[in-house]
C-alpha atoms as a PDB file:
ATOM      1  CA  MET A   1      89.149  14.259   1.666  1.00  0.00           C
ATOM      2  CA  PRO A   2      87.271  15.479  -1.357  1.00  0.00           C
ATOM      3  CA  ALA A   3      86.213  12.880  -4.077  1.00  0.00           C
ATOM      4  CA  ALA A   4      88.661  12.824  -6.967  1.00  0.00           C
ATOM      5  CA  LYS A   5      85.901  12.866  -9.765  1.00  0.00           C
ATOM      6  CA  THR A   6      82.429  15.227  -9.805  1.00  0.00           C
ATOM      7  CA  ASN A   7      80.647  12.875 -12.079  1.00  0.00           C
ATOM      8  CA  TYR A   8      78.343  10.198 -11.110  1.00  0.00           C
ATOM      9  CA  ASP A   9      76.104   7.539 -12.125  1.00  0.00           C
ATOM     10  CA  LEU A  10      74.485   8.117  -8.297  1.00  0.00           C
ATOM     11  CA  ILE A  11      74.605  11.036  -5.742  1.00  0.00           C
ATOM     12  CA  ILE A  12      72.705  10.176  -2.191  1.00  0.00           C
ATOM     13  CA  ILE A  13      72.216  13.370  -0.352  1.00  0.00           C
ATOM     14  CA  GLY A  14      72.138  12.729   3.388  1.00  0.00           C
ATOM     15  CA  GLY A  15      74.581  10.773   5.391  1.00  0.00           C
ATOM     16  CA  GLY A  16      71.753   9.012   7.905  1.00  0.00           C
ATOM     17  CA  PRO A  17      70.720   5.154   7.827  1.00  0.00           C
ATOM     18  CA  ALA A  18      68.553   5.753   4.640  1.00  0.00           C
ATOM     19  CA  GLY A  19      71.433   7.604   3.093  1.00  0.00           C
ATOM     20  CA  TYR A  20      74.390   5.064   3.995  1.00  0.00           C
ATOM     21  CA  THR A  21      71.621   2.047   2.916  1.00  0.00           C
ATOM     22  CA  ALA A  22      70.980   3.615  -0.344  1.00  0.00           C
ATOM     23  CA  ALA A  23      75.037   4.343  -0.897  1.00  0.00           C
ATOM     24  CA  ILE A  24      75.904   0.432  -0.046  1.00  0.00           C
ATOM     25  CA  TYR A  25      72.763  -0.873  -2.383  1.00  0.00           C
ATOM     26  CA  GLY A  26      74.199   1.839  -5.458  1.00  0.00           C
ATOM     27  CA  ILE A  27      77.825   0.695  -5.235  1.00  0.00           C
ATOM     28  CA  ARG A  28      77.107  -3.066  -4.877  1.00  0.00           C
ATOM     29  CA  ALA A  29      74.790  -2.652  -8.198  1.00  0.00           C
ATOM     30  CA  ASP A  30      77.963  -1.017  -9.981  1.00  0.00           C
ATOM     31  CA  MET A  31      77.051   2.301  -9.935  1.00  0.00           C
ATOM     32  CA  SER A  32      79.481   5.291  -9.253  1.00  0.00           C
ATOM     33  CA  THR A  33      78.126   6.332  -5.726  1.00  0.00           C
ATOM     34  CA  LEU A  34      79.100   9.525  -4.142  1.00  0.00           C
ATOM     35  CA  LEU A  35      77.125   9.849  -0.526  1.00  0.00           C
ATOM     36  CA  LEU A  36      77.157  13.973   0.584  1.00  0.00           C
ATOM     37  CA  ALA A  37      76.429  12.938   4.336  1.00  0.00           C
ATOM     38  CA  GLY A  38      76.518  16.634   5.153  1.00  0.00           C
ATOM     39  CA  GLU A  39      78.241  18.857   7.954  1.00  0.00           C
ATOM     40  CA  LYS A  40      76.748  16.835  10.743  1.00  0.00           C
ATOM     41  CA  ALA A  41      76.361  13.090   9.329  1.00  0.00           C
ATOM     42  CA  GLY A  42      74.448  10.415  10.998  1.00  0.00           C
ATOM     43  CA  GLY A  43      71.254  12.048  11.107  1.00  0.00           C
ATOM     44  CA  GLN A  44      68.750  11.970  14.349  1.00  0.00           C
ATOM     45  CA  LEU A  45      71.078   8.700  15.818  1.00  0.00           C
ATOM     46  CA  MET A  46      73.863  11.049  16.644  1.00  0.00           C
ATOM     47  CA  LEU A  47      71.451  12.389  19.168  1.00  0.00           C
ATOM     48  CA  THR A  48      70.724   9.078  20.715  1.00  0.00           C
ATOM     49  CA  THR A  49      72.551   6.836  23.145  1.00  0.00           C
ATOM     50  CA  ASP A  50      71.539   3.210  23.585  1.00  0.00           C
ATOM     51  CA  VAL A  51      69.551   2.055  20.062  1.00  0.00           C
ATOM     52  CA  GLU A  52      67.868  -1.337  21.650  1.00  0.00           C
ATOM     53  CA  ASP A  53      65.207  -1.678  18.606  1.00  0.00           C
ATOM     54  CA  TYR A  54      67.787  -2.015  15.461  1.00  0.00           C
ATOM     55  CA  PRO A  55      68.090  -5.932  14.383  1.00  0.00           C
ATOM     56  CA  GLY A  56      71.582  -7.415  14.840  1.00  0.00           C
ATOM     57  CA  PHE A  57      72.578  -6.053  17.841  1.00  0.00           C
ATOM     58  CA  PRO A  58      70.851  -8.073  20.788  1.00  0.00           C
ATOM     59  CA  LYS A  59      72.762  -5.889  23.537  1.00  0.00           C
ATOM     60  CA  GLY A  60      72.091  -2.759  21.922  1.00  0.00           C
ATOM     61  CA  VAL A  61      74.293  -0.105  20.462  1.00  0.00           C
ATOM     62  CA  GLN A  62      75.300   3.560  20.788  1.00  0.00           C
ATOM     63  CA  GLY A  63      73.753   5.531  18.157  1.00  0.00           C
ATOM     64  CA  PRO A  64      76.632   6.922  17.190  1.00  0.00           C
ATOM     65  CA  GLU A  65      78.492   3.705  17.413  1.00  0.00           C
ATOM     66  CA  LEU A  66      75.761   2.887  14.872  1.00  0.00           C
ATOM     67  CA  MET A  67      76.166   5.310  12.407  1.00  0.00           C
ATOM     68  CA  LYS A  68      80.044   4.718  12.551  1.00  0.00           C
ATOM     69  CA  LEU A  69      79.347   0.740  11.790  1.00  0.00           C
ATOM     70  CA  PHE A  70      77.122   2.578   8.319  1.00  0.00           C
ATOM     71  CA  ARG A  71      79.997   4.616   7.250  1.00  0.00           C
ATOM     72  CA  GLU A  72      82.834   2.134   7.201  1.00  0.00           C
ATOM     73  CA  GLN A  73      80.650  -0.548   5.761  1.00  0.00           C
ATOM     74  CA  ALA A  74      79.872   1.734   2.925  1.00  0.00           C
ATOM     75  CA  LEU A  75      83.954   3.168   2.563  1.00  0.00           C
ATOM     76  CA  ASN A  76      84.972  -0.349   3.101  1.00  0.00           C
ATOM     77  CA  LEU A  77      82.601  -1.362  -0.498  1.00  0.00           C
ATOM     78  CA  GLY A  78      84.287   1.802  -2.432  1.00  0.00           C
ATOM     79  CA  VAL A  79      81.214   4.694  -1.994  1.00  0.00           C
ATOM     80  CA  GLU A  80      82.554   7.923  -1.900  1.00  0.00           C
ATOM     81  CA  ILE A  81      82.020   9.983   1.287  1.00  0.00           C
ATOM     82  CA  ILE A  82      82.077  13.897   1.923  1.00  0.00           C
ATOM     83  CA  ASN A  83      81.051  15.469   4.608  1.00  0.00           C
ATOM     84  CA  GLU A  84      79.265  18.440   3.309  1.00  0.00           C
ATOM     85  CA  ASP A  85      76.023  20.173   3.290  1.00  0.00           C
ATOM     86  CA  VAL A  86      74.087  20.437  -0.311  1.00  0.00           C
ATOM     87  CA  ILE A  87      73.377  24.194  -0.935  1.00  0.00           C
ATOM     88  CA  LYS A  88      71.855  23.976  -4.001  1.00  0.00           C
ATOM     89  CA  THR A  89      70.779  21.596  -6.988  1.00  0.00           C
ATOM     90  CA  ASP A  90      69.478  21.523 -10.628  1.00  0.00           C
ATOM     91  CA  LEU A  91      67.491  18.318 -11.019  1.00  0.00           C
ATOM     92  CA  LYS A  92      65.422  18.849 -13.627  1.00  0.00           C
ATOM     93  CA  GLY A  93      67.483  17.524 -16.549  1.00  0.00           C
ATOM     94  CA  ASN A  94      68.788  14.198 -17.672  1.00  0.00           C
ATOM     95  CA  VAL A  95      71.762  15.036 -16.104  1.00  0.00           C
ATOM     96  CA  LYS A  96      71.533  16.238 -12.152  1.00  0.00           C
ATOM     97  CA  TYR A  97      73.910  18.872 -10.670  1.00  0.00           C
ATOM     98  CA  VAL A  98      74.548  19.469  -7.093  1.00  0.00           C
ATOM     99  CA  LEU A  99      76.249  21.858  -5.513  1.00  0.00           C
ATOM    100  CA  ALA A 100      77.918  21.088  -2.472  1.00  0.00           C
ATOM    101  CA  ASP A 101      81.316  23.127  -0.345  1.00  0.00           C
ATOM    102  CA  ASN A 102      81.664  25.187  -3.609  1.00  0.00           C
ATOM    103  CA  LYS A 103      81.493  22.170  -5.902  1.00  0.00           C
ATOM    104  CA  LYS A 104      79.397  20.984  -8.396  1.00  0.00           C
ATOM    105  CA  TYR A 105      78.718  17.069  -8.518  1.00  0.00           C
ATOM    106  CA  SER A 106      76.700  15.377 -11.593  1.00  0.00           C
ATOM    107  CA  ALA A 107      74.810  12.409 -11.785  1.00  0.00           C
ATOM    108  CA  LYS A 108      72.157  10.308 -13.832  1.00  0.00           C
ATOM    109  CA  ALA A 109      70.109   9.590 -10.495  1.00  0.00           C
ATOM    110  CA  VAL A 110      69.419  11.569  -7.036  1.00  0.00           C
ATOM    111  CA  ILE A 111      68.407  10.009  -4.226  1.00  0.00           C
ATOM    112  CA  ILE A 112      67.185  12.260  -1.214  1.00  0.00           C
ATOM    113  CA  ALA A 113      67.828  10.794   2.066  1.00  0.00           C
ATOM    114  CA  THR A 114      68.236  14.364   4.158  1.00  0.00           C
ATOM    115  CA  GLY A 115      65.839  13.241   6.766  1.00  0.00           C
ATOM    116  CA  ALA A 116      63.579  15.812   9.169  1.00  0.00           C
ATOM    117  CA  SER A 117      65.202  17.397  12.367  1.00  0.00           C
ATOM    118  CA  ALA A 118      63.148  17.350  15.456  1.00  0.00           C
ATOM    119  CA  LYS A 119      61.883  20.646  16.596  1.00  0.00           C
ATOM    120  CA  TRP A 120      63.485  21.569  20.128  1.00  0.00           C
ATOM    121  CA  LEU A 121      62.319  24.314  22.577  1.00  0.00           C
ATOM    122  CA  GLY A 122      65.635  26.275  22.061  1.00  0.00           C
ATOM    123  CA  LEU A 123      66.873  26.123  25.458  1.00  0.00           C
ATOM    124  CA  GLU A 124      70.430  25.695  26.646  1.00  0.00           C
ATOM    125  CA  SER A 125      69.832  23.344  29.545  1.00  0.00           C
ATOM    126  CA  GLU A 126      67.960  21.412  27.013  1.00  0.00           C
ATOM    127  CA  GLN A 127      70.708  20.983  24.238  1.00  0.00           C
ATOM    128  CA  LYS A 128      73.251  20.186  26.624  1.00  0.00           C
ATOM    129  CA  LEU A 129      71.313  17.179  27.951  1.00  0.00           C
ATOM    130  CA  ILE A 130      69.976  15.539  24.641  1.00  0.00           C
ATOM    131  CA  GLY A 131      70.512  11.837  24.746  1.00  0.00           C
ATOM    132  CA  LYS A 132      70.799  12.299  28.938  1.00  0.00           C
ATOM    133  CA  GLY A 133      67.355  12.313  29.325  1.00  0.00           C
ATOM    134  CA  VAL A 134      65.827  14.820  26.549  1.00  0.00           C
ATOM    135  CA  THR A 135      65.106  13.187  23.970  1.00  0.00           C
ATOM    136  CA  SER A 136      62.128  13.345  20.780  1.00  0.00           C
ATOM    137  CA  CYS A 137      61.128   9.948  20.047  1.00  0.00           C
ATOM    138  CA  ALA A 138      59.449   7.487  22.687  1.00  0.00           C
ATOM    139  CA  VAL A 139      59.624   4.747  20.065  1.00  0.00           C
ATOM    140  CA  CYS A 140      63.240   5.241  20.104  1.00  0.00           C
ATOM    141  CA  ASP A 141      63.746   5.984  23.781  1.00  0.00           C
ATOM    142  CA  GLY A 142      60.875   5.380  26.135  1.00  0.00           C
ATOM    143  CA  TYR A 143      62.573   1.562  27.457  1.00  0.00           C
ATOM    144  CA  PHE A 144      65.010   3.440  29.357  1.00  0.00           C
ATOM    145  CA  PHE A 145      62.510   5.429  31.767  1.00  0.00           C
ATOM    146  CA  LYS A 146      60.450   2.207  32.321  1.00  0.00           C
ATOM    147  CA  ASN A 147      58.504   2.623  35.979  1.00  0.00           C
ATOM    148  CA  LYS A 148      60.241   6.509  35.769  1.00  0.00           C
ATOM    149  CA  PRO A 149      58.646   9.796  36.147  1.00  0.00           C
ATOM    150  CA  VAL A 150      58.339  11.375  32.213  1.00  0.00           C
ATOM    151  CA  ALA A 151      57.007  14.746  30.954  1.00  0.00           C
ATOM    152  CA  ILE A 152      55.793  15.325  27.114  1.00  0.00           C
ATOM    153  CA  VAL A 153      56.029  18.696  25.615  1.00  0.00           C
ATOM    154  CA  GLY A 154      53.115  19.606  23.113  1.00  0.00           C
ATOM    155  CA  GLY A 155      49.546  19.215  22.350  1.00  0.00           C
ATOM    156  CA  GLY A 156      49.346  17.781  19.074  1.00  0.00           C
ATOM    157  CA  ASP A 157      49.134  14.365  17.587  1.00  0.00           C
ATOM    158  CA  THR A 158      52.542  13.492  18.016  1.00  0.00           C
ATOM    159  CA  ALA A 159      52.653  14.964  21.647  1.00  0.00           C
ATOM    160  CA  MET A 160      49.469  12.556  22.789  1.00  0.00           C
ATOM    161  CA  ARG A 161      50.846   9.548  20.817  1.00  0.00           C
ATOM    162  CA  GLU A 162      53.953   9.591  22.673  1.00  0.00           C
ATOM    163  CA  ALA A 163      52.021  10.536  25.808  1.00  0.00           C
ATOM    164  CA  LEU A 164      49.820   7.119  25.139  1.00  0.00           C
ATOM    165  CA  TYR A 165      53.107   4.969  24.334  1.00  0.00           C
ATOM    166  CA  MET A 166      54.989   6.336  27.291  1.00  0.00           C
ATOM    167  CA  SER A 167      51.945   5.419  29.666  1.00  0.00           C
ATOM    168  CA  LYS A 168      52.674   1.665  29.194  1.00  0.00           C
ATOM    169  CA  LEU A 169      56.133   2.134  30.436  1.00  0.00           C
ATOM    170  CA  ALA A 170      56.324   5.028  32.642  1.00  0.00           C
ATOM    171  CA  SER A 171      55.376   5.673  36.172  1.00  0.00           C
ATOM    172  CA  GLN A 172      53.682   8.820  35.468  1.00  0.00           C
ATOM    173  CA  VAL A 173      53.375  11.032  32.355  1.00  0.00           C
ATOM    174  CA  THR A 174      52.563  14.708  32.782  1.00  0.00           C
ATOM    175  CA  VAL A 175      51.697  16.648  29.933  1.00  0.00           C
ATOM    176  CA  ILE A 176      52.937  19.956  29.088  1.00  0.00           C
ATOM    177  CA  HIS A 177      51.027  22.244  27.208  1.00  0.00           C
ATOM    178  CA  ARG A 178      51.328  26.161  25.890  1.00  0.00           C
ATOM    179  CA  ARG A 179      47.464  26.118  25.656  1.00  0.00           C
ATOM    180  CA  SER A 180      44.610  25.612  27.594  1.00  0.00           C
ATOM    181  CA  GLU A 181      43.372  23.122  25.549  1.00  0.00           C
ATOM    182  CA  LEU A 182      44.800  20.312  22.802  1.00  0.00           C
ATOM    183  CA  LYS A 183      44.977  20.413  18.886  1.00  0.00           C
ATOM    184  CA  ALA A 184      45.676  16.658  18.632  1.00  0.00           C
ATOM    185  CA  GLN A 185      42.458  14.779  16.932  1.00  0.00           C
ATOM    186  CA  ALA A 186      39.645  13.985  19.426  1.00  0.00           C
ATOM    187  CA  VAL A 187      40.373  10.148  19.436  1.00  0.00           C
ATOM    188  CA  LEU A 188      43.881  10.747  20.982  1.00  0.00           C
ATOM    189  CA  GLN A 189      42.635  13.360  23.267  1.00  0.00           C
ATOM    190  CA  ASP A 190      39.951  10.974  24.630  1.00  0.00           C
ATOM    191  CA  ARG A 191      42.238   8.374  25.097  1.00  0.00           C
ATOM    192  CA  ALA A 192      45.036  10.849  26.494  1.00  0.00           C
ATOM    193  CA  LYS A 193      42.522  11.937  29.277  1.00  0.00           C
ATOM    194  CA  ALA A 194      41.184   8.709  30.171  1.00  0.00           C
ATOM    195  CA  ASN A 195      44.354   7.394  30.604  1.00  0.00           C
ATOM    196  CA  LYS A 196      44.992   7.388  34.924  1.00  0.00           C
ATOM    197  CA  LYS A 197      49.127   7.462  34.413  1.00  0.00           C
ATOM    198  CA  ILE A 198      48.736  10.804  32.130  1.00  0.00           C
ATOM    199  CA  ASN A 199      48.134  14.295  33.670  1.00  0.00           C
ATOM    200  CA  PHE A 200      48.277  18.006  32.120  1.00  0.00           C
ATOM    201  CA  ILE A 201      49.870  21.107  33.008  1.00  0.00           C
ATOM    202  CA  TRP A 202      47.857  24.000  30.851  1.00  0.00           C
ATOM    203  CA  ASP A 203      48.826  27.096  29.945  1.00  0.00           C
ATOM    204  CA  SER A 204      52.517  26.625  30.535  1.00  0.00           C
ATOM    205  CA  GLU A 205      55.983  26.113  28.682  1.00  0.00           C
ATOM    206  CA  VAL A 206      59.282  24.848  30.109  1.00  0.00           C
ATOM    207  CA  LYS A 207      61.734  27.519  30.967  1.00  0.00           C
ATOM    208  CA  GLU A 208      64.604  25.036  32.009  1.00  0.00           C
ATOM    209  CA  VAL A 209      65.778  21.775  32.375  1.00  0.00           C
ATOM    210  CA  LEU A 210      67.687  20.678  35.381  1.00  0.00           C
ATOM    211  CA  GLY A 211      70.114  18.386  35.838  1.00  0.00           C
ATOM    212  CA  LYS A 212      73.869  18.548  35.352  1.00  0.00           C
ATOM    213  CA  ASP A 213      74.819  14.557  33.721  1.00  0.00           C
ATOM    214  CA  LYS A 214      71.273  13.452  33.562  1.00  0.00           C
ATOM    215  CA  VAL A 215      67.568  14.992  33.379  1.00  0.00           C
ATOM    216  CA  THR A 216      66.204  15.367  37.268  1.00  0.00           C
ATOM    217  CA  GLY A 217      63.408  17.850  36.474  1.00  0.00           C
ATOM    218  CA  VAL A 218      62.181  20.719  34.738  1.00  0.00           C
ATOM    219  CA  LYS A 219      61.199  24.470  35.554  1.00  0.00           C
ATOM    220  CA  VAL A 220      57.747  24.999  34.059  1.00  0.00           C
ATOM    221  CA  SER A 221      55.972  29.107  34.158  1.00  0.00           C
ATOM    222  CA  ASN A 222      52.466  29.247  34.045  1.00  0.00           C
ATOM    223  CA  SER A 223      51.804  31.851  31.126  1.00  0.00           C
ATOM    224  CA  LYS A 224      48.655  33.161  32.609  1.00  0.00           C
ATOM    225  CA  THR A 225      49.578  33.797  36.111  1.00  0.00           C
ATOM    226  CA  LYS A 226      53.256  33.632  35.931  1.00  0.00           C
ATOM    227  CA  LYS A 227      53.806  31.444  38.505  1.00  0.00           C
ATOM    228  CA  GLU A 228      57.145  29.293  38.208  1.00  0.00           C
ATOM    229  CA  SER A 229      57.078  25.128  39.807  1.00  0.00           C
ATOM    230  CA  GLU A 230      59.498  22.644  39.335  1.00  0.00           C
ATOM    231  CA  LEU A 231      58.351  18.847  38.413  1.00  0.00           C
ATOM    232  CA  LYS A 232      60.801  16.124  39.263  1.00  0.00           C
ATOM    233  CA  ILE A 233      61.273  13.996  36.064  1.00  0.00           C
ATOM    234  CA  ASP A 234      63.805  11.221  34.410  1.00  0.00           C
ATOM    235  CA  GLY A 235      62.737  12.110  31.057  1.00  0.00           C
ATOM    236  CA  LEU A 236      61.520  15.257  28.704  1.00  0.00           C
ATOM    237  CA  PHE A 237      60.391  14.268  25.462  1.00  0.00           C
ATOM    238  CA  VAL A 238      59.761  17.268  23.327  1.00  0.00           C
ATOM    239  CA  ALA A 239      56.887  16.406  21.070  1.00  0.00           C
ATOM    240  CA  ILE A 240      56.565  19.908  18.907  1.00  0.00           C
ATOM    241  CA  GLY A 241      57.134  18.385  15.739  1.00  0.00           C
ATOM    242  CA  HIS A 242      59.600  17.527  12.946  1.00  0.00           C
ATOM    243  CA  LYS A 243      61.420  19.872  10.218  1.00  0.00           C
ATOM    244  CA  PRO A 244      62.204  18.058   6.926  1.00  0.00           C
ATOM    245  CA  ASN A 245      65.526  18.958   5.209  1.00  0.00           C
ATOM    246  CA  THR A 246      63.894  20.428   2.210  1.00  0.00           C
ATOM    247  CA  ASP A 247      64.458  23.914   1.892  1.00  0.00           C
ATOM    248  CA  PHE A 248      67.248  23.224  -0.904  1.00  0.00           C
ATOM    249  CA  LEU A 249      64.723  21.211  -2.717  1.00  0.00           C
ATOM    250  CA  LYS A 250      62.143  24.180  -3.347  1.00  0.00           C
ATOM    251  CA  GLY A 251      61.347  24.327  -6.563  1.00  0.00           C
ATOM    252  CA  GLN A 252      63.300  21.192  -7.795  1.00  0.00           C
ATOM    253  CA  VAL A 253      60.568  18.380  -6.800  1.00  0.00           C
ATOM    254  CA  LYS A 254      57.054  18.302  -5.397  1.00  0.00           C
ATOM    255  CA  LEU A 255      56.959  18.702  -1.654  1.00  0.00           C
ATOM    256  CA  ASP A 256      53.428  18.385  -0.047  1.00  0.00           C
ATOM    257  CA  SER A 257      52.115  21.009   2.224  1.00  0.00           C
ATOM    258  CA  HIS A 258      54.243  20.302   5.271  1.00  0.00           C
ATOM    259  CA  ASN A 259      57.487  20.628   2.940  1.00  0.00           C
ATOM    260  CA  TYR A 260      57.984  16.846   2.414  1.00  0.00           C
ATOM    261  CA  VAL A 261      59.054  15.397  -0.359  1.00  0.00           C
ATOM    262  CA  ALA A 262      56.113  14.024  -2.141  1.00  0.00           C
ATOM    263  CA  LEU A 263      56.246  10.473  -3.535  1.00  0.00           C
ATOM    264  CA  LYS A 264      54.761  10.161  -6.785  1.00  0.00           C
ATOM    265  CA  GLU A 265      53.586   6.883  -6.773  1.00  0.00           C
ATOM    266  CA  PRO A 266      52.722   6.139  -3.080  1.00  0.00           C
ATOM    267  CA  GLY A 267      52.949   2.592  -1.672  1.00  0.00           C
ATOM    268  CA  ILE A 268      54.709   1.736  -5.157  1.00  0.00           C
ATOM    269  CA  SER A 269      58.066   3.337  -5.648  1.00  0.00           C
ATOM    270  CA  THR A 270      60.278   5.662  -4.157  1.00  0.00           C
ATOM    271  CA  LYS A 271      60.310   7.783  -7.190  1.00  0.00           C
ATOM    272  CA  THR A 272      59.489  11.510  -6.850  1.00  0.00           C
ATOM    273  CA  SER A 273      57.673  13.813  -9.382  1.00  0.00           C
ATOM    274  CA  THR A 274      61.196  14.585 -10.845  1.00  0.00           C
ATOM    275  CA  LEU A 275      62.729  11.842 -13.202  1.00  0.00           C
ATOM    276  CA  GLY A 276      65.649  10.502 -11.943  1.00  0.00           C
ATOM    277  CA  VAL A 277      64.789  11.677  -8.643  1.00  0.00           C
ATOM    278  CA  PHE A 278      64.486   9.316  -5.415  1.00  0.00           C
ATOM    279  CA  VAL A 279      63.258   9.739  -2.009  1.00  0.00           C
ATOM    280  CA  ALA A 280      64.219   7.625   1.207  1.00  0.00           C
ATOM    281  CA  GLY A 281      63.594   7.770   5.021  1.00  0.00           C
ATOM    282  CA  ASP A 282      61.910  10.669   7.287  1.00  0.00           C
ATOM    283  CA  VAL A 283      62.529  13.204   4.450  1.00  0.00           C
ATOM    284  CA  HIS A 284      59.169  11.934   3.003  1.00  0.00           C
ATOM    285  CA  ASP A 285      58.155   9.964   6.187  1.00  0.00           C
ATOM    286  CA  TYR A 286      56.754  11.506   8.934  1.00  0.00           C
ATOM    287  CA  LYS A 287      54.716   8.272  10.070  1.00  0.00           C
ATOM    288  CA  TYR A 288      57.112   5.655  10.948  1.00  0.00           C
ATOM    289  CA  MET A 289      60.189   7.470  11.518  1.00  0.00           C
ATOM    290  CA  GLN A 290      63.021   4.707  12.420  1.00  0.00           C
ATOM    291  CA  ALA A 291      66.092   3.582  11.489  1.00  0.00           C
ATOM    292  CA  VAL A 292      65.504   0.301  10.632  1.00  0.00           C
ATOM    293  CA  THR A 293      62.330   2.060   8.149  1.00  0.00           C
ATOM    294  CA  ALA A 294      65.112   4.129   6.680  1.00  0.00           C
ATOM    295  CA  ALA A 295      67.530   1.879   5.992  1.00  0.00           C
ATOM    296  CA  GLY A 296      64.724  -0.458   4.000  1.00  0.00           C
ATOM    297  CA  GLU A 297      64.053   2.646   2.196  1.00  0.00           C
ATOM    298  CA  GLY A 298      67.062   3.411   1.357  1.00  0.00           C
ATOM    299  CA  CYS A 299      67.278   0.184   0.142  1.00  0.00           C
ATOM    300  CA  LYS A 300      64.099   0.335  -2.033  1.00  0.00           C
ATOM    301  CA  ALA A 301      65.415   3.892  -3.799  1.00  0.00           C
ATOM    302  CA  ALA A 302      68.944   2.333  -5.002  1.00  0.00           C
ATOM    303  CA  LEU A 303      66.929  -0.769  -6.414  1.00  0.00           C
ATOM    304  CA  ASP A 304      64.865   1.872  -8.309  1.00  0.00           C
ATOM    305  CA  ALA A 305      67.824   4.182  -9.071  1.00  0.00           C
ATOM    306  CA  HIS A 306      69.321   1.380 -10.491  1.00  0.00           C
ATOM    307  CA  GLU A 307      66.906   0.385 -12.320  1.00  0.00           C
ATOM    308  CA  TYR A 308      65.952   3.736 -13.860  1.00  0.00           C
ATOM    309  CA  LEU A 309      69.511   4.167 -15.053  1.00  0.00           C
ATOM    310  CA  GLU A 310      69.594   0.227 -16.915  1.00  0.00           C
ATOM    311  CA  GLN A 311      66.148   1.567 -18.642  1.00  0.00           C
ATOM    312  CA  SER A 312      67.550   4.950 -19.435  1.00  0.00           C
END
């Protein structure tokens, strides 16, 4: 249902843990709050099945169910929520304008919580098995592959960290890299190559993820010999990077060299380079990228926004 009004104290852009938490704290601070959750509300947790590392759920919780609970709590407190993507913003003035679904909304403060999207291989078979053995986060899902063989796709820092993490859980870790050498920093390369549980398939790409209801293997093609082979695995970790969802923000707030939103005061506040605009979650945090850290930052951003409005 469209919101009956268009002017708010606070607009939050993004419907993941950071956005919902910011909305909960915003409305409880007596700020009129609009959450523009996006057409695919829920963020990366919508692609995750079992979540066992979020506090308060001793038996774990399904990712979509967790986000449903976030949403219900925000709605019960009076947050207005619209499942539309923001396509344009004008954040420079004292009044901020946000365009979504051809409707213009305004607020005195804005929180950006649009997250980052995992880069995928682009295979139809991969997309069908996301959450069924295909994942982009070892910390999130690694436990479910304990004592099972897995593969990591990638050759950068993220891939090596995923491989090293999974080497403590999986029975065997195979790194599949399209080049003949890694891009990761030397210390990570050395650790991975010295780890007896980790082996490498060089100059190769995954052409197909095998399995109907869950991953059973991958079809791999060598780019030099053109030879194809199959590798039996239970889990495929795609670690080729993330893309922050900031295309609509260019020229509005300062972005870093990788297009993540830059903090004005790192470690001190959630302020961005633009007065009255704050940021929370994976849209600026490319280190931790966890639901619980995103939620914590959503809390901080709402408190910072409230302080800003009190002083304005």
